Amino acid sequence: MRSRSTAAELAPSDALEPSPRSEEPSVGRSSFYFAMRLLPGAQRIAMFEIYRFCRAVDDVADGDASRDAKLAELARWRSDIDALFAGTPPNRVRNLLQPVRAFALELDDFHSIIDGMEMDVRTTIRAPDLATLDLYCDRVACAVGRLSVRVFGMPADKGTALANALGRALQLTNILRDLDDDAIRGRLYLPREALLAAGIERSDPGAVLGDPALDAACSILAQRARSHFDAAHSLMRGEPIRATFAPRVMAGTYRHILRRLVERRWAPPRRPIRVGVCTHLWIVLRHGLLNPTFIHARS
């Protein structure tokens, strides 16, 4: 077990200034763009830097390099994050120093994200058991949430619980949405238990995605995602909008995607599910953009 390290334990580094860089990263692929862009200044910058890190290590895992080269690069990212928490960040993580210190971000969460990327690199995941899938979700999604709720300013216990529930809901929705994209890489994240419950005994992505019982297996996972969305909603109920605006928008966006997936079903051909600008705008408005508390928090 790794020791828990926070920004409070960083070596003094007041002399370090953020390296010149545009505040806003390339977020064209991010469904969270609207939520991040509307955060107050310091939170917005912190979330963009967290996003840059996540995007960088994800690109390593999904890149075309050899497995050994990917693992070596992820090891370098791990070393860079360790140096960041030691107060001597290399240039590519230098802009994370201020967010780490300002919001008490934890070393273990950065490590967990890298651990999740390594799971994709070390083996081609196909029909993992539920325990392995849950660990994967915790690393690639919930750990990002645990960093994020600290930036949003939620109380530690409730924030962690929200990150764990919403992270799982988002990742399971991603899995259900991206079946064909994952299959191109030889991956199949549908859990073995759901496949067997639907009568599917194979784990080859092509065979599973063409199986007539696929819809039943995906419906099982969709119900699991819905239960996590419900838990996240309960945790956010009554919390100040300034601390929950971004996760509410994320939950609203992905719950919309899940609802459309359930309506479309999973039998081929599977029409891609996209969230249009108007829908994004409605979700943003619905979850607080015009709320006086939110406006005051932005001013």
Protein backbone atom coordinates (compact mmCIF):
# COMPACT_ATOMS: atom_id res chain seq x y z
CA MET A 1 0.00 0.00 0.00
CA ARG A 2 1.33 3.41 -0.90
CA SER A 3 1.47 6.08 1.75
CA ARG A 4 -0.99 8.91 1.30
CA SER A 5 0.75 12.11 0.23
CA THR A 6 -0.89 15.49 -0.12
CA ALA A 7 0.17 18.93 -1.22
CA ALA A 8 0.61 19.92 2.41
CA GLU A 9 3.68 17.69 2.50
CA LEU A 10 5.37 19.28 -0.52
CA ALA A 11 8.72 20.88 -0.08
CA PRO A 12 8.54 24.70 -0.18
CA SER A 13 8.77 25.81 -3.81
CA ASP A 14 7.53 29.39 -3.85
CA ALA A 15 10.22 30.27 -6.35
CA LEU A 16 8.68 27.98 -8.93
CA GLU A 17 6.41 29.85 -11.32
CA PRO A 18 4.09 28.14 -13.80
CA SER A 19 5.70 27.81 -17.19
CA PRO A 20 4.13 29.98 -19.89
CA ARG A 21 1.28 28.08 -21.49
CA SER A 22 -2.21 28.74 -22.71
CA GLU A 23 -4.64 28.19 -19.85
CA GLU A 24 -7.03 26.21 -21.99
CA PRO A 25 -5.90 22.85 -23.37
CA SER A 26 -7.18 21.21 -26.51
CA VAL A 27 -10.41 19.78 -25.18
CA GLY A 28 -12.23 19.07 -28.40
CA ARG A 29 -12.61 15.43 -27.41
CA SER A 30 -13.74 16.19 -23.88
CA SER A 31 -17.42 15.88 -22.97
CA PHE A 32 -16.55 17.85 -19.84
CA TYR A 33 -15.48 21.01 -21.68
CA PHE A 34 -18.51 23.10 -20.78
CA ALA A 35 -18.32 22.14 -17.11
CA MET A 36 -14.61 22.93 -16.89
CA ARG A 37 -14.79 26.16 -18.88
CA LEU A 38 -17.40 27.70 -16.59
CA LEU A 39 -15.51 27.14 -13.34
CA PRO A 40 -14.00 30.08 -11.42
CA GLY A 41 -10.43 30.97 -12.45
CA ALA A 42 -8.22 28.95 -10.08
CA GLN A 43 -10.49 25.90 -10.30
CA ARG A 44 -10.66 26.15 -14.08
CA ILE A 45 -6.87 26.27 -14.41
CA ALA A 46 -6.47 23.34 -12.00
CA MET A 47 -8.98 21.22 -13.91
CA PHE A 48 -7.33 22.00 -17.24
CA GLU A 49 -3.96 20.90 -15.83
CA ILE A 50 -5.48 17.68 -14.45
CA TYR A 51 -7.08 17.12 -17.84
CA ARG A 52 -3.74 17.64 -19.62
CA PHE A 53 -2.13 15.00 -17.43
CA CYS A 54 -4.97 12.51 -17.95
CA ARG A 55 -5.00 13.13 -21.70
CA ALA A 56 -1.23 12.63 -21.91
CA VAL A 57 -1.11 9.28 -20.10
CA ASP A 58 -4.24 8.08 -21.91
CA ASP A 59 -2.58 8.87 -25.23
CA VAL A 60 0.40 6.76 -24.15
CA ALA A 61 -1.84 3.77 -23.42
CA ASP A 62 -3.76 4.13 -26.70
CA GLY A 63 -0.75 4.98 -28.85
CA ASP A 64 1.01 2.90 -31.48
CA ALA A 65 4.28 2.32 -29.61
CA SER A 66 5.34 -1.14 -28.44
CA ARG A 67 4.12 -2.44 -25.10
CA ASP A 68 7.60 -2.06 -23.56
CA ALA A 69 7.89 1.51 -24.85
CA LYS A 70 4.48 2.40 -23.42
CA LEU A 71 5.33 0.94 -20.02
CA ALA A 72 8.62 2.81 -20.01
CA GLU A 73 6.88 6.09 -20.83
CA LEU A 74 4.26 5.54 -18.12
CA ALA A 75 7.10 4.84 -15.69
CA ARG A 76 8.61 8.20 -16.65
CA TRP A 77 5.28 9.89 -15.97
CA ARG A 78 5.19 8.21 -12.57
CA SER A 79 8.69 9.49 -11.80
CA ASP A 80 7.71 12.97 -12.92
CA ILE A 81 4.67 12.96 -10.62
CA ASP A 82 6.88 11.76 -7.73
CA ALA A 83 9.26 14.65 -8.45
CA LEU A 84 6.30 17.04 -8.52
CA PHE A 85 5.29 15.97 -5.02
CA ALA A 86 8.91 16.29 -3.92
CA GLY A 87 8.79 19.94 -5.00
CA THR A 88 11.11 19.54 -8.02
CA PRO A 89 8.72 19.08 -10.95
CA PRO A 90 10.06 18.44 -14.47
CA ASN A 91 8.81 20.88 -17.05
CA ARG A 92 5.91 18.78 -18.35
CA VAL A 93 4.23 18.61 -14.92
CA ARG A 94 5.43 22.00 -13.68
CA ASN A 95 2.01 23.64 -14.14
CA LEU A 96 0.45 21.06 -11.82
CA LEU A 97 2.43 22.34 -8.84
CA GLN A 98 0.12 25.20 -7.95
CA PRO A 99 -3.09 23.15 -8.24
CA VAL A 100 -1.55 20.34 -6.19
CA ARG A 101 -0.59 22.78 -3.44
CA ALA A 102 -3.74 24.92 -3.59
CA PHE A 103 -6.23 22.06 -3.52
CA ALA A 104 -4.30 19.40 -1.55
CA LEU A 105 -4.34 16.92 -4.42
CA GLU A 106 -3.05 13.48 -3.48
CA LEU A 107 -0.15 11.55 -4.95
CA ASP A 108 -2.03 8.25 -4.74
CA ASP A 109 -4.72 9.49 -7.11
CA PHE A 110 -2.16 10.43 -9.78
CA HIS A 111 -0.51 7.05 -9.30
CA SER A 112 -3.87 5.30 -9.60
CA ILE A 113 -4.54 6.94 -12.96
CA ILE A 114 -1.18 5.70 -14.23
CA ASP A 115 -1.96 2.25 -12.78
CA GLY A 116 -5.16 2.22 -14.84
CA MET A 117 -3.27 3.07 -18.01
CA GLU A 118 -0.84 0.25 -17.24
CA MET A 119 -3.76 -2.20 -16.97
CA ASP A 120 -4.61 -1.41 -20.60
CA VAL A 121 -0.99 -1.74 -21.67
CA ARG A 122 0.08 -4.88 -19.82
CA THR A 123 -2.75 -7.00 -21.20
CA THR A 124 -5.55 -6.65 -23.71
CA ILE A 125 -8.59 -6.53 -21.45
CA ARG A 126 -11.34 -8.90 -22.57
CA ALA A 127 -14.41 -9.73 -20.50
CA PRO A 128 -12.83 -8.99 -17.11
CA ASP A 129 -14.54 -10.25 -13.97
CA LEU A 130 -16.51 -7.63 -12.05
CA ALA A 131 -13.78 -7.17 -9.43
CA THR A 132 -11.19 -6.39 -12.11
CA LEU A 133 -13.58 -4.08 -13.94
CA ASP A 134 -14.35 -2.25 -10.71
CA LEU A 135 -10.64 -1.80 -10.02
CA TYR A 136 -10.15 -0.49 -13.55
CA CYS A 137 -13.01 2.00 -13.13
CA ASP A 138 -11.59 3.15 -9.80
CA ARG A 139 -8.22 3.85 -11.38
CA VAL A 140 -9.13 5.45 -14.69
CA ALA A 141 -12.27 7.33 -13.58
CA CYS A 142 -12.81 7.52 -9.82
CA ALA A 143 -9.23 8.66 -9.19
CA VAL A 144 -9.80 11.55 -11.60
CA GLY A 145 -12.98 12.30 -9.68
CA ARG A 146 -11.14 12.29 -6.36
CA LEU A 147 -8.75 14.91 -7.72
CA SER A 148 -11.64 16.90 -9.15
CA VAL A 149 -13.84 17.07 -6.04
CA ARG A 150 -10.93 18.57 -4.12
CA VAL A 151 -10.73 21.30 -6.75
CA PHE A 152 -14.50 21.80 -6.61
CA GLY A 153 -14.32 22.26 -2.83
CA MET A 154 -16.53 19.43 -1.61
CA PRO A 155 -16.13 18.08 1.95
CA ALA A 156 -13.61 15.22 1.95
CA ASP A 157 -15.87 12.29 2.89
CA LYS A 158 -18.83 13.22 0.70
CA GLY A 159 -16.52 14.31 -2.12
CA THR A 160 -14.73 10.96 -2.14
CA ALA A 161 -18.04 9.09 -2.10
CA LEU A 162 -19.28 11.23 -5.00
CA ALA A 163 -16.09 10.64 -6.99
CA ASN A 164 -16.39 6.89 -6.49
CA ALA A 165 -20.06 6.75 -7.51
CA LEU A 166 -19.98 9.20 -10.39
CA GLY A 167 -16.65 7.92 -11.71
CA ARG A 168 -18.07 4.41 -12.01
CA ALA A 169 -21.26 5.71 -13.63
CA LEU A 170 -19.31 7.69 -16.24
CA GLN A 171 -16.88 4.89 -17.03
CA LEU A 172 -19.57 2.23 -17.40
CA THR A 173 -21.44 4.57 -19.73
CA ASN A 174 -18.23 5.04 -21.73
CA ILE A 175 -17.87 1.27 -22.00
CA LEU A 176 -21.43 0.87 -23.27
CA ARG A 177 -20.98 3.73 -25.75
CA ASP A 178 -17.55 2.71 -27.08
CA LEU A 179 -18.00 -1.01 -27.71
CA ASP A 180 -16.99 -0.80 -31.36
CA ASP A 181 -14.04 1.57 -30.83
CA ASP A 182 -12.69 -0.68 -28.08
CA ALA A 183 -13.16 -3.79 -30.23
CA ILE A 184 -10.92 -2.23 -32.91
CA ARG A 185 -8.14 -2.30 -30.29
CA GLY A 186 -9.07 -5.88 -29.36
CA ARG A 187 -10.62 -4.80 -26.05
CA LEU A 188 -13.90 -5.83 -24.46
CA TYR A 189 -14.75 -4.29 -21.10
CA LEU A 190 -18.16 -5.94 -20.64
CA PRO A 191 -17.83 -8.02 -17.45
CA ARG A 192 -17.73 -11.79 -17.68
CA GLU A 193 -20.61 -12.13 -15.21
CA ALA A 194 -22.94 -10.04 -17.39
CA LEU A 195 -21.98 -11.99 -20.51
CA LEU A 196 -22.58 -15.33 -18.81
CA ALA A 197 -25.89 -14.13 -17.38
CA ALA A 198 -26.94 -13.32 -20.95
CA GLY A 199 -25.77 -16.73 -22.17
CA ILE A 200 -22.61 -15.50 -23.90
CA GLU A 201 -19.62 -17.70 -23.14
CA ARG A 202 -17.14 -16.17 -25.57
CA SER A 203 -14.80 -13.23 -24.93
CA ASP A 204 -13.62 -12.39 -28.45
CA PRO A 205 -14.82 -8.81 -29.07
CA GLY A 206 -16.04 -9.47 -32.62
CA ALA A 207 -17.96 -12.55 -31.63
CA VAL A 208 -19.53 -10.91 -28.58
CA LEU A 209 -20.56 -7.76 -30.45
CA GLY A 210 -22.31 -9.89 -33.06
CA ASP A 211 -24.06 -12.15 -30.55
CA PRO A 212 -27.88 -11.82 -30.45
CA ALA A 213 -27.71 -11.80 -26.64
CA LEU A 214 -25.45 -8.73 -26.52
CA ASP A 215 -28.40 -6.49 -25.73
CA ALA A 216 -29.18 -8.45 -22.57
CA ALA A 217 -25.57 -8.27 -21.36
CA CYS A 218 -25.35 -4.52 -21.98
CA SER A 219 -28.67 -3.95 -20.23
CA ILE A 220 -27.21 -5.52 -17.09
CA LEU A 221 -24.29 -3.09 -17.15
CA ALA A 222 -26.62 -0.18 -17.93
CA GLN A 223 -28.62 -0.92 -14.79
CA ARG A 224 -25.38 -0.94 -12.81
CA ALA A 225 -24.47 2.46 -14.26
CA ARG A 226 -27.93 3.83 -13.38
CA SER A 227 -27.51 2.74 -9.76
CA HIS A 228 -24.22 4.66 -9.56
CA PHE A 229 -25.85 7.74 -11.11
CA ASP A 230 -28.61 7.50 -8.50
CA ALA A 231 -26.04 7.29 -5.70
CA ALA A 232 -24.18 10.31 -7.10
CA HIS A 233 -27.42 12.29 -7.35
CA SER A 234 -28.24 11.54 -3.72
CA LEU A 235 -24.77 12.69 -2.63
CA MET A 236 -25.10 15.99 -4.52
CA ARG A 237 -28.60 16.74 -3.28
CA GLY A 238 -28.51 19.72 -0.93
CA GLU A 239 -24.83 20.48 -1.54
CA PRO A 240 -23.89 24.06 -2.58
CA ILE A 241 -24.05 24.59 -6.33
CA ARG A 242 -20.61 26.22 -6.36
CA ALA A 243 -19.10 22.87 -5.30
CA THR A 244 -21.32 20.58 -7.38
CA PHE A 245 -21.99 22.50 -10.60
CA ALA A 246 -19.33 20.67 -12.64
CA PRO A 247 -20.20 17.14 -11.43
CA ARG A 248 -23.91 17.89 -11.96
CA VAL A 249 -23.19 18.86 -15.57
CA MET A 250 -21.02 15.76 -16.06
CA ALA A 251 -23.72 13.53 -14.56
CA GLY A 252 -26.43 15.19 -16.64
CA THR A 253 -24.45 14.79 -19.85
CA TYR A 254 -23.59 11.15 -19.30
CA ARG A 255 -27.01 10.20 -17.99
CA HIS A 256 -28.38 11.63 -21.24
CA ILE A 257 -25.93 9.44 -23.19
CA LEU A 258 -26.93 6.36 -21.18
CA ARG A 259 -30.63 7.03 -21.72
CA ARG A 260 -30.10 7.31 -25.48
CA LEU A 261 -28.03 4.11 -25.51
CA VAL A 262 -30.80 2.23 -23.72
CA GLU A 263 -33.35 3.59 -26.21
CA ARG A 264 -31.14 2.71 -29.19
CA ARG A 265 -30.15 -0.71 -27.81
CA TRP A 266 -26.92 -2.52 -28.76
CA ALA A 267 -27.80 -4.75 -31.67
CA PRO A 268 -25.81 -3.93 -34.83
CA PRO A 269 -25.62 -1.58 -36.55
CA ARG A 270 -24.95 0.64 -33.54
CA ARG A 271 -25.52 4.28 -34.44
CA PRO A 272 -22.97 6.55 -32.66
CA ILE A 273 -24.41 8.59 -29.80
CA ARG A 274 -23.43 12.24 -29.81
CA VAL A 275 -24.40 15.12 -27.52
CA GLY A 276 -25.11 18.26 -29.51
CA VAL A 277 -24.29 21.82 -28.51
CA CYS A 278 -27.93 22.64 -27.77
CA THR A 279 -28.22 19.66 -25.44
CA HIS A 280 -24.99 20.64 -23.69
CA LEU A 281 -26.29 24.16 -23.25
CA TRP A 282 -29.60 22.93 -21.83
CA ILE A 283 -27.76 20.72 -19.33
CA VAL A 284 -25.55 23.64 -18.27
CA LEU A 285 -28.58 25.91 -17.83
CA ARG A 286 -30.55 23.25 -16.00
CA HIS A 287 -27.78 22.57 -13.52
CA GLY A 288 -27.11 26.10 -12.42
CA LEU A 289 -25.59 28.50 -14.93
CA LEU A 290 -28.33 31.06 -14.16
CA ASN A 291 -28.53 30.22 -10.48
CA PRO A 292 -27.66 33.35 -8.39
CA THR A 293 -25.38 31.27 -6.14
CA PHE A 294 -23.39 30.13 -9.17
CA ILE A 295 -23.16 33.65 -10.59
CA HIS A 296 -21.92 34.95 -7.23
CA ALA A 297 -19.30 32.16 -7.05
CA ARG A 298 -17.97 33.15 -10.49
CA SER A 299 -17.69 36.86 -9.67
